């Protein structure tokens, strides 16, 4: 487990709030997934992130712990 991850209620490691905020504040493009789908973080508030699914353009709020950084570099 990396310092930027936390274990969520489903037992797998997701993103912590600090990392989600770093990605949101970043000028770079950092690949983030929600349940395997690529998303863009639009806002972070408390333990929720507002995300836009890149495939459908749908916007929703999800728990930050359900987000993972795509380390493979491939969507």
PDB file of N, CA and C in Angstrom:
ATOM      1  N   UNK A   1       0.841  -1.177   0.000  1.00  0.00           N
ATOM      2  CA  UNK A   1       0.000   0.000   0.000  1.00  0.00           C
ATOM      3  C   UNK A   1       0.885   1.238   0.000  1.00  0.00           C
ATOM      4  N   UNK A   2       0.575   2.191  -0.880  1.00  0.00           N
ATOM      5  CA  UNK A   2       1.306   3.444  -0.928  1.00  0.00           C
ATOM      6  C   UNK A   2       0.677   4.452   0.031  1.00  0.00           C
ATOM      7  N   UNK A   3       1.419   5.489   0.368  1.00  0.00           N
ATOM      8  CA  UNK A   3       0.925   6.521   1.283  1.00  0.00           C
ATOM      9  C   UNK A   3      -0.264   7.276   0.712  1.00  0.00           C
ATOM     10  N   UNK A   4      -0.470   7.211  -0.600  1.00  0.00           N
ATOM     11  CA  UNK A   4      -1.585   7.924  -1.226  1.00  0.00           C
ATOM     12  C   UNK A   4      -2.840   7.067  -1.323  1.00  0.00           C
ATOM     13  N   UNK A   5      -2.826   5.897  -0.701  1.00  0.00           N
ATOM     14  CA  UNK A   5      -3.959   4.978  -0.782  1.00  0.00           C
ATOM     15  C   UNK A   5      -4.526   4.693   0.602  1.00  0.00           C
ATOM     16  N   UNK A   6      -5.809   4.355   0.623  1.00  0.00           N
ATOM     17  CA  UNK A   6      -6.456   3.883   1.836  1.00  0.00           C
ATOM     18  C   UNK A   6      -7.275   2.645   1.488  1.00  0.00           C
ATOM     19  N   UNK A   7      -7.525   1.815   2.475  1.00  0.00           N
ATOM     20  CA  UNK A   7      -8.337   0.619   2.257  1.00  0.00           C
ATOM     21  C   UNK A   7      -9.800   1.009   2.446  1.00  0.00           C
ATOM     22  N   UNK A   8     -10.623   0.767   1.418  1.00  0.00           N
ATOM     23  CA  UNK A   8     -12.030   1.149   1.526  1.00  0.00           C
ATOM     24  C   UNK A   8     -12.868  -0.008   2.061  1.00  0.00           C
ATOM     25  N   UNK A   9     -14.176   0.227   2.154  1.00  0.00           N
ATOM     26  CA  UNK A   9     -15.069  -0.777   2.756  1.00  0.00           C
ATOM     27  C   UNK A   9     -15.166  -2.061   1.950  1.00  0.00           C
ATOM     28  N   UNK A  10     -14.776  -2.048   0.679  1.00  0.00           N
ATOM     29  CA  UNK A  10     -14.807  -3.264  -0.130  1.00  0.00           C
ATOM     30  C   UNK A  10     -13.519  -4.063  -0.008  1.00  0.00           C
ATOM     31  N   UNK A  11     -12.557  -3.517   0.782  1.00  0.00           N
ATOM     32  CA  UNK A  11     -11.341  -4.263   1.035  1.00  0.00           C
ATOM     33  C   UNK A  11     -10.222  -4.022   0.044  1.00  0.00           C
ATOM     34  N   UNK A  12     -10.382  -3.095  -0.887  1.00  0.00           N
ATOM     35  CA  UNK A  12      -9.292  -2.787  -1.801  1.00  0.00           C
ATOM     36  C   UNK A  12      -8.810  -1.376  -1.551  1.00  0.00           C
ATOM     37  N   UNK A  13      -7.658  -1.075  -2.099  1.00  0.00           N
ATOM     38  CA  UNK A  13      -7.001   0.188  -1.805  1.00  0.00           C
ATOM     39  C   UNK A  13      -7.362   1.240  -2.838  1.00  0.00           C
ATOM     40  N   UNK A  14      -7.916   2.344  -2.347  1.00  0.00           N
ATOM     41  CA  UNK A  14      -8.272   3.462  -3.198  1.00  0.00           C
ATOM     42  C   UNK A  14      -7.479   4.698  -2.812  1.00  0.00           C
ATOM     43  N   UNK A  15      -7.822   5.783  -3.430  1.00  0.00           N
ATOM     44  CA  UNK A  15      -7.109   7.042  -3.259  1.00  0.00           C
ATOM     45  C   UNK A  15      -7.477   7.708  -1.939  1.00  0.00           C
ATOM     46  N   UNK A  16      -6.510   8.410  -1.337  1.00  0.00           N
ATOM     47  CA  UNK A  16      -6.844   9.200  -0.157  1.00  0.00           C
ATOM     48  C   UNK A  16      -7.204  10.622  -0.580  1.00  0.00           C
ATOM     49  N   UNK A  17      -7.799  11.376   0.328  1.00  0.00           N
ATOM     50  CA  UNK A  17      -8.303  12.708   0.020  1.00  0.00           C
ATOM     51  C   UNK A  17      -7.174  13.648  -0.405  1.00  0.00           C
ATOM     52  N   UNK A  18      -6.029  13.555   0.258  1.00  0.00           N
ATOM     53  CA  UNK A  18      -4.915  14.443  -0.075  1.00  0.00           C
ATOM     54  C   UNK A  18      -4.436  14.232  -1.513  1.00  0.00           C
ATOM     55  N   UNK A  19      -4.356  12.980  -1.944  1.00  0.00           N
ATOM     56  CA  UNK A  19      -3.911  12.692  -3.312  1.00  0.00           C
ATOM     57  C   UNK A  19      -4.952  13.169  -4.315  1.00  0.00           C
ATOM     58  N   UNK A  20      -6.226  12.974  -4.024  1.00  0.00           N
ATOM     59  CA  UNK A  20      -7.277  13.450  -4.922  1.00  0.00           C
ATOM     60  C   UNK A  20      -7.182  14.962  -5.087  1.00  0.00           C
ATOM     61  N   UNK A  21      -6.925  15.677  -3.999  1.00  0.00           N
ATOM     62  CA  UNK A  21      -6.795  17.131  -4.071  1.00  0.00           C
ATOM     63  C   UNK A  21      -5.557  17.525  -4.866  1.00  0.00           C
ATOM     64  N   UNK A  22      -4.445  16.792  -4.688  1.00  0.00           N
ATOM     65  CA  UNK A  22      -3.229  17.069  -5.471  1.00  0.00           C
ATOM     66  C   UNK A  22      -3.496  16.915  -6.969  1.00  0.00           C
ATOM     67  N   UNK A  23      -4.215  15.869  -7.334  1.00  0.00           N
ATOM     68  CA  UNK A  23      -4.531  15.629  -8.745  1.00  0.00           C
ATOM     69  C   UNK A  23      -5.430  16.745  -9.263  1.00  0.00           C
ATOM     70  N   UNK A  24      -6.436  17.119  -8.489  1.00  0.00           N
ATOM     71  CA  UNK A  24      -7.336  18.197  -8.887  1.00  0.00           C
ATOM     72  C   UNK A  24      -6.574  19.502  -9.102  1.00  0.00           C
ATOM     73  N   UNK A  25      -5.625  19.803  -8.213  1.00  0.00           N
ATOM     74  CA  UNK A  25      -4.847  21.042  -8.278  1.00  0.00           C
ATOM     75  C   UNK A  25      -3.748  21.010  -9.341  1.00  0.00           C
ATOM     76  N   UNK A  26      -3.432  19.842  -9.852  1.00  0.00           N
ATOM     77  CA  UNK A  26      -2.324  19.669 -10.784  1.00  0.00           C
ATOM     78  C   UNK A  26      -2.625  20.297 -12.146  1.00  0.00           C
ATOM     79  N   UNK A  27      -1.573  20.813 -12.770  1.00  0.00           N
ATOM     80  CA  UNK A  27      -1.696  21.315 -14.139  1.00  0.00           C
ATOM     81  C   UNK A  27      -1.500  20.188 -15.152  1.00  0.00           C
ATOM     82  N   UNK A  28      -1.044  19.041 -14.691  1.00  0.00           N
ATOM     83  CA  UNK A  28      -0.810  17.914 -15.578  1.00  0.00           C
ATOM     84  C   UNK A  28      -2.044  17.048 -15.728  1.00  0.00           C
ATOM     85  N   UNK A  29      -1.936  16.078 -16.609  1.00  0.00           N
ATOM     86  CA  UNK A  29      -3.006  15.106 -16.808  1.00  0.00           C
ATOM     87  C   UNK A  29      -2.592  13.835 -16.092  1.00  0.00           C
ATOM     88  N   UNK A  30      -3.366  13.455 -15.085  1.00  0.00           N
ATOM     89  CA  UNK A  30      -3.087  12.260 -14.292  1.00  0.00           C
ATOM     90  C   UNK A  30      -4.271  11.329 -14.460  1.00  0.00           C
ATOM     91  N   UNK A  31      -4.008  10.133 -14.909  1.00  0.00           N
ATOM     92  CA  UNK A  31      -5.072   9.178 -15.202  1.00  0.00           C
ATOM     93  C   UNK A  31      -5.661   8.612 -13.912  1.00  0.00           C
ATOM     94  N   UNK A  32      -6.983   8.761 -13.780  1.00  0.00           N
ATOM     95  CA  UNK A  32      -7.707   8.288 -12.602  1.00  0.00           C
ATOM     96  C   UNK A  32      -8.864   7.421 -13.073  1.00  0.00           C
ATOM     97  N   UNK A  33      -9.109   6.342 -12.339  1.00  0.00           N
ATOM     98  CA  UNK A  33     -10.195   5.418 -12.663  1.00  0.00           C
ATOM     99  C   UNK A  33     -11.192   5.340 -11.514  1.00  0.00           C
ATOM    100  N   UNK A  34     -12.463   5.179 -11.880  1.00  0.00           N
ATOM    101  CA  UNK A  34     -13.508   4.854 -10.906  1.00  0.00           C
ATOM    102  C   UNK A  34     -14.160   3.568 -11.380  1.00  0.00           C
ATOM    103  N   UNK A  35     -13.969   2.516 -10.605  1.00  0.00           N
ATOM    104  CA  UNK A  35     -14.489   1.190 -10.969  1.00  0.00           C
ATOM    105  C   UNK A  35     -14.103   0.792 -12.384  1.00  0.00           C
ATOM    106  N   UNK A  36     -12.856   1.093 -12.739  1.00  0.00           N
ATOM    107  CA  UNK A  36     -12.312   0.693 -14.024  1.00  0.00           C
ATOM    108  C   UNK A  36     -12.551   1.663 -15.162  1.00  0.00           C
ATOM    109  N   UNK A  37     -13.365   2.692 -14.943  1.00  0.00           N
ATOM    110  CA  UNK A  37     -13.676   3.657 -15.998  1.00  0.00           C
ATOM    111  C   UNK A  37     -12.853   4.931 -15.787  1.00  0.00           C
ATOM    112  N   UNK A  38     -12.286   5.485 -16.864  1.00  0.00           N
ATOM    113  CA  UNK A  38     -11.503   6.714 -16.729  1.00  0.00           C
ATOM    114  C   UNK A  38     -12.394   7.903 -16.379  1.00  0.00           C
ATOM    115  N   UNK A  39     -11.926   8.706 -15.414  1.00  0.00           N
ATOM    116  CA  UNK A  39     -12.673   9.880 -14.969  1.00  0.00           C
ATOM    117  C   UNK A  39     -11.755  11.082 -14.847  1.00  0.00           C
ATOM    118  N   UNK A  40     -12.357  12.275 -14.855  1.00  0.00           N
ATOM    119  CA  UNK A  40     -11.669  13.531 -14.607  1.00  0.00           C
ATOM    120  C   UNK A  40     -12.203  14.071 -13.285  1.00  0.00           C
ATOM    121  N   UNK A  41     -11.322  14.377 -12.350  1.00  0.00           N
ATOM    122  CA  UNK A  41     -11.749  14.931 -11.062  1.00  0.00           C
ATOM    123  C   UNK A  41     -12.055  16.410 -11.260  1.00  0.00           C
ATOM    124  N   UNK A  42     -13.300  16.808 -10.967  1.00  0.00           N
ATOM    125  CA  UNK A  42     -13.711  18.202 -11.125  1.00  0.00           C
ATOM    126  C   UNK A  42     -13.741  18.956  -9.803  1.00  0.00           C
ATOM    127  N   UNK A  43     -13.863  18.243  -8.690  1.00  0.00           N
ATOM    128  CA  UNK A  43     -13.886  18.884  -7.370  1.00  0.00           C
ATOM    129  C   UNK A  43     -13.665  17.823  -6.304  1.00  0.00           C
ATOM    130  N   UNK A  44     -13.139  18.256  -5.166  1.00  0.00           N
ATOM    131  CA  UNK A  44     -12.954  17.378  -4.009  1.00  0.00           C
ATOM    132  C   UNK A  44     -13.486  18.122  -2.788  1.00  0.00           C
ATOM    133  N   UNK A  45     -14.398  17.497  -2.064  1.00  0.00           N
ATOM    134  CA  UNK A  45     -14.963  18.092  -0.851  1.00  0.00           C
ATOM    135  C   UNK A  45     -15.155  16.991   0.174  1.00  0.00           C
ATOM    136  N   UNK A  46     -14.470  17.148   1.296  1.00  0.00           N
ATOM    137  CA  UNK A  46     -14.504  16.136   2.350  1.00  0.00           C
ATOM    138  C   UNK A  46     -14.053  14.800   1.766  1.00  0.00           C
ATOM    139  N   UNK A  47     -14.872  13.775   1.855  1.00  0.00           N
ATOM    140  CA  UNK A  47     -14.465  12.464   1.340  1.00  0.00           C
ATOM    141  C   UNK A  47     -15.131  12.131   0.010  1.00  0.00           C
ATOM    142  N   UNK A  48     -15.701  13.153  -0.663  1.00  0.00           N
ATOM    143  CA  UNK A  48     -16.355  12.946  -1.951  1.00  0.00           C
ATOM    144  C   UNK A  48     -15.636  13.709  -3.053  1.00  0.00           C
ATOM    145  N   UNK A  49     -15.650  13.128  -4.247  1.00  0.00           N
ATOM    146  CA  UNK A  49     -15.104  13.792  -5.424  1.00  0.00           C
ATOM    147  C   UNK A  49     -16.202  13.890  -6.477  1.00  0.00           C
ATOM    148  N   UNK A  50     -16.292  15.033  -7.110  1.00  0.00           N
ATOM    149  CA  UNK A  50     -17.155  15.176  -8.276  1.00  0.00           C
ATOM    150  C   UNK A  50     -16.304  14.809  -9.480  1.00  0.00           C
ATOM    151  N   UNK A  51     -16.763  13.818 -10.230  1.00  0.00           N
ATOM    152  CA  UNK A  51     -15.994  13.330 -11.373  1.00  0.00           C
ATOM    153  C   UNK A  51     -16.839  13.357 -12.632  1.00  0.00           C
ATOM    154  N   UNK A  52     -16.145  13.417 -13.775  1.00  0.00           N
ATOM    155  CA  UNK A  52     -16.798  13.298 -15.079  1.00  0.00           C
ATOM    156  C   UNK A  52     -16.218  12.067 -15.746  1.00  0.00           C
ATOM    157  N   UNK A  53     -17.086  11.131 -16.124  1.00  0.00           N
ATOM    158  CA  UNK A  53     -16.644   9.946 -16.858  1.00  0.00           C
ATOM    159  C   UNK A  53     -16.237  10.380 -18.263  1.00  0.00           C
ATOM    160  N   UNK A  54     -15.023  10.024 -18.660  1.00  0.00           N
ATOM    161  CA  UNK A  54     -14.512  10.476 -19.946  1.00  0.00           C
ATOM    162  C   UNK A  54     -15.205   9.809 -21.124  1.00  0.00           C
ATOM    163  N   UNK A  55     -15.745   8.629 -20.926  1.00  0.00           N
ATOM    164  CA  UNK A  55     -16.419   7.924 -22.019  1.00  0.00           C
ATOM    165  C   UNK A  55     -17.820   8.457 -22.291  1.00  0.00           C
ATOM    166  N   UNK A  56     -18.549   8.817 -21.222  1.00  0.00           N
ATOM    167  CA  UNK A  56     -19.950   9.214 -21.382  1.00  0.00           C
ATOM    168  C   UNK A  56     -20.213  10.689 -21.081  1.00  0.00           C
ATOM    169  N   UNK A  57     -19.233  11.385 -20.489  1.00  0.00           N
ATOM    170  CA  UNK A  57     -19.377  12.781 -20.061  1.00  0.00           C
ATOM    171  C   UNK A  57     -20.342  12.944 -18.887  1.00  0.00           C
ATOM    172  N   UNK A  58     -20.827  11.837 -18.330  1.00  0.00           N
ATOM    173  CA  UNK A  58     -21.709  11.888 -17.160  1.00  0.00           C
ATOM    174  C   UNK A  58     -20.922  12.407 -15.960  1.00  0.00           C
ATOM    175  N   UNK A  59     -21.571  13.244 -15.142  1.00  0.00           N
ATOM    176  CA  UNK A  59     -20.966  13.759 -13.914  1.00  0.00           C
ATOM    177  C   UNK A  59     -21.684  13.161 -12.715  1.00  0.00           C
ATOM    178  N   UNK A  60     -20.896  12.852 -11.671  1.00  0.00           N
ATOM    179  CA  UNK A  60     -21.471  12.304 -10.449  1.00  0.00           C
ATOM    180  C   UNK A  60     -20.506  12.511  -9.290  1.00  0.00           C
ATOM    181  N   UNK A  61     -20.988  12.311  -8.079  1.00  0.00           N
ATOM    182  CA  UNK A  61     -20.130  12.345  -6.901  1.00  0.00           C
ATOM    183  C   UNK A  61     -19.865  10.911  -6.467  1.00  0.00           C
ATOM    184  N   UNK A  62     -18.602  10.656  -6.126  1.00  0.00           N
ATOM    185  CA  UNK A  62     -18.201   9.318  -5.693  1.00  0.00           C
ATOM    186  C   UNK A  62     -17.292   9.459  -4.481  1.00  0.00           C
ATOM    187  N   UNK A  63     -17.227   8.424  -3.629  1.00  0.00           N
ATOM    188  CA  UNK A  63     -16.263   8.462  -2.526  1.00  0.00           C
ATOM    189  C   UNK A  63     -14.835   8.502  -3.080  1.00  0.00           C
ATOM    190  N   UNK A  64     -14.007   9.366  -2.518  1.00  0.00           N
ATOM    191  CA  UNK A  64     -12.617   9.465  -2.951  1.00  0.00           C
ATOM    192  C   UNK A  64     -11.924   8.107  -2.856  1.00  0.00           C
ATOM    193  N   UNK A  65     -12.253   7.335  -1.842  1.00  0.00           N
ATOM    194  CA  UNK A  65     -11.624   6.020  -1.645  1.00  0.00           C
ATOM    195  C   UNK A  65     -11.936   5.049  -2.775  1.00  0.00           C
ATOM    196  N   UNK A  66     -12.947   5.355  -3.600  1.00  0.00           N
ATOM    197  CA  UNK A  66     -13.279   4.492  -4.737  1.00  0.00           C
ATOM    198  C   UNK A  66     -12.480   4.840  -5.992  1.00  0.00           C
ATOM    199  N   UNK A  67     -11.661   5.893  -5.922  1.00  0.00           N
ATOM    200  CA  UNK A  67     -10.834   6.293  -7.058  1.00  0.00           C
ATOM    201  C   UNK A  67      -9.459   5.654  -6.961  1.00  0.00           C
ATOM    202  N   UNK A  68      -8.899   5.310  -8.101  1.00  0.00           N
ATOM    203  CA  UNK A  68      -7.532   4.783  -8.142  1.00  0.00           C
ATOM    204  C   UNK A  68      -6.767   5.489  -9.246  1.00  0.00           C
ATOM    205  N   UNK A  69      -5.498   5.716  -8.989  1.00  0.00           N
ATOM    206  CA  UNK A  69      -4.617   6.300  -9.991  1.00  0.00           C
ATOM    207  C   UNK A  69      -4.194   5.194 -10.940  1.00  0.00           C
ATOM    208  N   UNK A  70      -4.336   5.436 -12.227  1.00  0.00           N
ATOM    209  CA  UNK A  70      -3.975   4.445 -13.233  1.00  0.00           C
ATOM    210  C   UNK A  70      -2.472   4.475 -13.416  1.00  0.00           C
ATOM    211  N   UNK A  71      -1.788   3.519 -12.838  1.00  0.00           N
ATOM    212  CA  UNK A  71      -0.323   3.486 -12.874  1.00  0.00           C
ATOM    213  C   UNK A  71       0.222   2.822 -14.127  1.00  0.00           C
ATOM    214  N   UNK A  72      -0.621   2.186 -14.918  1.00  0.00           N
ATOM    215  CA  UNK A  72      -0.156   1.513 -16.122  1.00  0.00           C
ATOM    216  C   UNK A  72       0.060   2.488 -17.257  1.00  0.00           C
ATOM    217  N   UNK A  73      -0.595   3.658 -17.175  1.00  0.00           N
ATOM    218  CA  UNK A  73      -0.471   4.647 -18.237  1.00  0.00           C
ATOM    219  C   UNK A  73      -1.353   4.372 -19.434  1.00  0.00           C
ATOM    220  N   UNK A  74      -2.196   3.337 -19.354  1.00  0.00           N
ATOM    221  CA  UNK A  74      -3.103   3.020 -20.461  1.00  0.00           C
ATOM    222  C   UNK A  74      -4.533   3.056 -19.952  1.00  0.00           C
ATOM    223  N   UNK A  75      -5.372   3.754 -20.670  1.00  0.00           N
ATOM    224  CA  UNK A  75      -6.779   3.814 -20.266  1.00  0.00           C
ATOM    225  C   UNK A  75      -7.382   2.496 -20.604  1.00  0.00           C
TER     226      UNK A  75
END
